[in-house]
Amino acid sequence: MRLSPGEVVTLVNLSASGILVEGKTRFVPGTRLTVIFEGPGAPSPAKGRVIRCQVSAIGEGGSLHYQSAIAFDETIDVPLGNPPEMSAPSPAAKPTAANRSEPQSQRLRNRW
């Protein structure tokens, strides 16, 4: 995924009202930007503003990585469920809490 203006970032957390990303750019709270999702099943770009930005890691040579929390201007549709290629466990799979045939609530799964 990308931020505009900005760079490619890593998704940390996603909800209908906002997103938490990690990257090399330090954003000032209040900065307006557009989140551009990439990949199959990705939501449409969403406009928002940075509400928080903090150092998340210090790399070799002192390079900094930041986590930025972005609140969307409008809620987005967040895809729920498993991607088609992961929707059914293999027949040989041993039953676990994650793949039992009992009804389970839908969980958010990233599709990209």
Protein backbone atom coordinates (compact mmCIF):
# COMPACT_ATOMS: atom_id res chain seq x y z
CA MET A 1 0.00 0.00 0.00
CA ARG A 2 1.06 3.59 -0.51
CA LEU A 3 0.38 7.00 0.97
CA SER A 4 0.06 10.08 -1.20
CA PRO A 5 1.98 12.19 -0.56
CA GLY A 6 4.44 9.73 0.85
CA GLU A 7 5.83 6.33 0.15
CA VAL A 8 5.13 2.62 0.24
CA VAL A 9 4.14 1.60 3.77
CA THR A 10 3.38 -1.64 5.61
CA LEU A 11 -0.12 -2.31 6.90
CA VAL A 12 -0.20 -2.88 10.67
CA ASN A 13 -3.94 -2.63 11.39
CA LEU A 14 -7.06 -1.71 9.44
CA SER A 15 -10.63 -0.80 10.39
CA ALA A 16 -13.53 0.88 8.63
CA SER A 17 -12.63 4.22 10.24
CA GLY A 18 -8.84 4.24 10.01
CA ILE A 19 -5.53 2.51 9.49
CA LEU A 20 -2.19 2.04 11.23
CA VAL A 21 0.82 1.84 8.92
CA GLU A 22 4.59 1.65 9.29
CA GLY A 23 7.13 3.34 7.06
CA LYS A 24 10.16 5.60 6.89
CA THR A 25 8.31 8.91 6.67
CA ARG A 26 7.53 10.97 9.78
CA PHE A 27 4.14 12.65 9.38
CA VAL A 28 3.03 15.63 11.42
CA PRO A 29 -0.36 15.04 13.07
CA GLY A 30 -3.03 16.84 11.06
CA THR A 31 -1.35 16.10 7.71
CA ARG A 32 -3.95 15.29 5.03
CA LEU A 33 -3.21 12.38 2.71
CA THR A 34 -4.69 9.60 0.61
CA VAL A 35 -4.27 5.91 1.43
CA ILE A 36 -3.90 3.87 -1.76
CA PHE A 37 -4.61 0.17 -1.27
CA GLU A 38 -3.04 -2.30 -3.68
CA GLY A 39 -3.77 -5.89 -4.62
CA PRO A 40 -6.80 -8.02 -5.45
CA GLY A 41 -9.91 -7.11 -3.47
CA ALA A 42 -8.35 -3.88 -2.21
CA PRO A 43 -10.69 -1.07 -1.12
CA SER A 44 -10.82 2.17 -3.12
CA PRO A 45 -8.36 4.93 -2.13
CA ALA A 46 -9.39 6.70 1.08
CA LYS A 47 -8.66 10.27 2.15
CA GLY A 48 -7.81 10.98 5.75
CA ARG A 49 -5.58 12.78 8.22
CA VAL A 50 -2.71 11.67 10.43
CA ILE A 51 -3.79 11.60 14.06
CA ARG A 52 -0.62 10.11 15.54
CA CYS A 53 2.93 9.32 14.44
CA GLN A 54 5.64 7.76 16.59
CA VAL A 55 8.98 5.98 16.23
CA SER A 56 8.41 2.22 16.03
CA ALA A 57 11.95 0.97 15.34
CA ILE A 58 15.53 2.11 14.99
CA GLY A 59 17.40 0.30 12.23
CA GLU A 60 21.06 -0.14 11.46
CA GLY A 61 22.88 3.15 11.13
CA GLY A 62 20.19 4.89 13.16
CA SER A 63 17.48 4.87 10.46
CA LEU A 64 14.06 5.42 11.98
CA HIS A 65 10.78 3.68 11.20
CA TYR A 66 7.47 5.28 12.18
CA GLN A 67 3.97 4.04 12.87
CA SER A 68 1.31 6.46 11.65
CA ALA A 69 -2.36 6.30 12.63
CA ILE A 70 -4.64 7.73 9.96
CA ALA A 71 -8.35 8.49 10.47
CA PHE A 72 -10.41 8.22 7.28
CA ASP A 73 -12.70 11.12 6.32
CA GLU A 74 -15.44 8.55 5.58
CA THR A 75 -15.74 4.93 6.63
CA ILE A 76 -14.62 2.34 4.09
CA ASP A 77 -15.90 -1.14 3.31
CA VAL A 78 -13.45 -3.57 4.88
CA PRO A 79 -13.42 -6.99 3.20
CA LEU A 80 -14.38 -9.75 5.65
CA GLY A 81 -13.72 -13.45 5.36
CA ASN A 82 -10.95 -15.50 3.87
CA PRO A 83 -9.61 -15.06 0.35
CA PRO A 84 -11.00 -17.76 -1.99
CA GLU A 85 -7.73 -19.74 -2.07
CA MET A 86 -7.74 -19.99 1.74
CA SER A 87 -11.46 -20.41 2.41
CA ALA A 88 -11.51 -24.18 3.00
CA PRO A 89 -9.00 -26.26 4.97
CA SER A 90 -7.54 -29.29 3.22
CA PRO A 91 -9.38 -32.58 3.91
CA ALA A 92 -6.28 -33.95 5.65
CA ALA A 93 -6.09 -31.00 8.01
CA LYS A 94 -6.42 -31.94 11.66
CA PRO A 95 -9.36 -30.11 13.31
CA THR A 96 -8.27 -27.13 15.36
CA ALA A 97 -10.04 -24.15 16.86
CA ALA A 98 -9.38 -22.30 13.58
CA ASN A 99 -10.79 -24.90 11.14
CA ARG A 100 -13.58 -26.77 12.98
CA SER A 101 -16.88 -27.06 11.15
CA GLU A 102 -18.66 -25.27 14.00
CA PRO A 103 -20.09 -21.84 13.13
CA GLN A 104 -17.60 -19.09 13.79
CA SER A 105 -17.84 -15.34 13.61
CA GLN A 106 -16.34 -13.63 10.61
CA ARG A 107 -12.84 -12.31 11.21
CA LEU A 108 -11.06 -9.59 9.35
CA ARG A 109 -8.50 -11.01 6.92
CA ASN A 110 -6.23 -8.92 4.73
CA ARG A 111 -6.67 -9.81 1.08
CA TRP A 112 -3.53 -8.12 -0.17
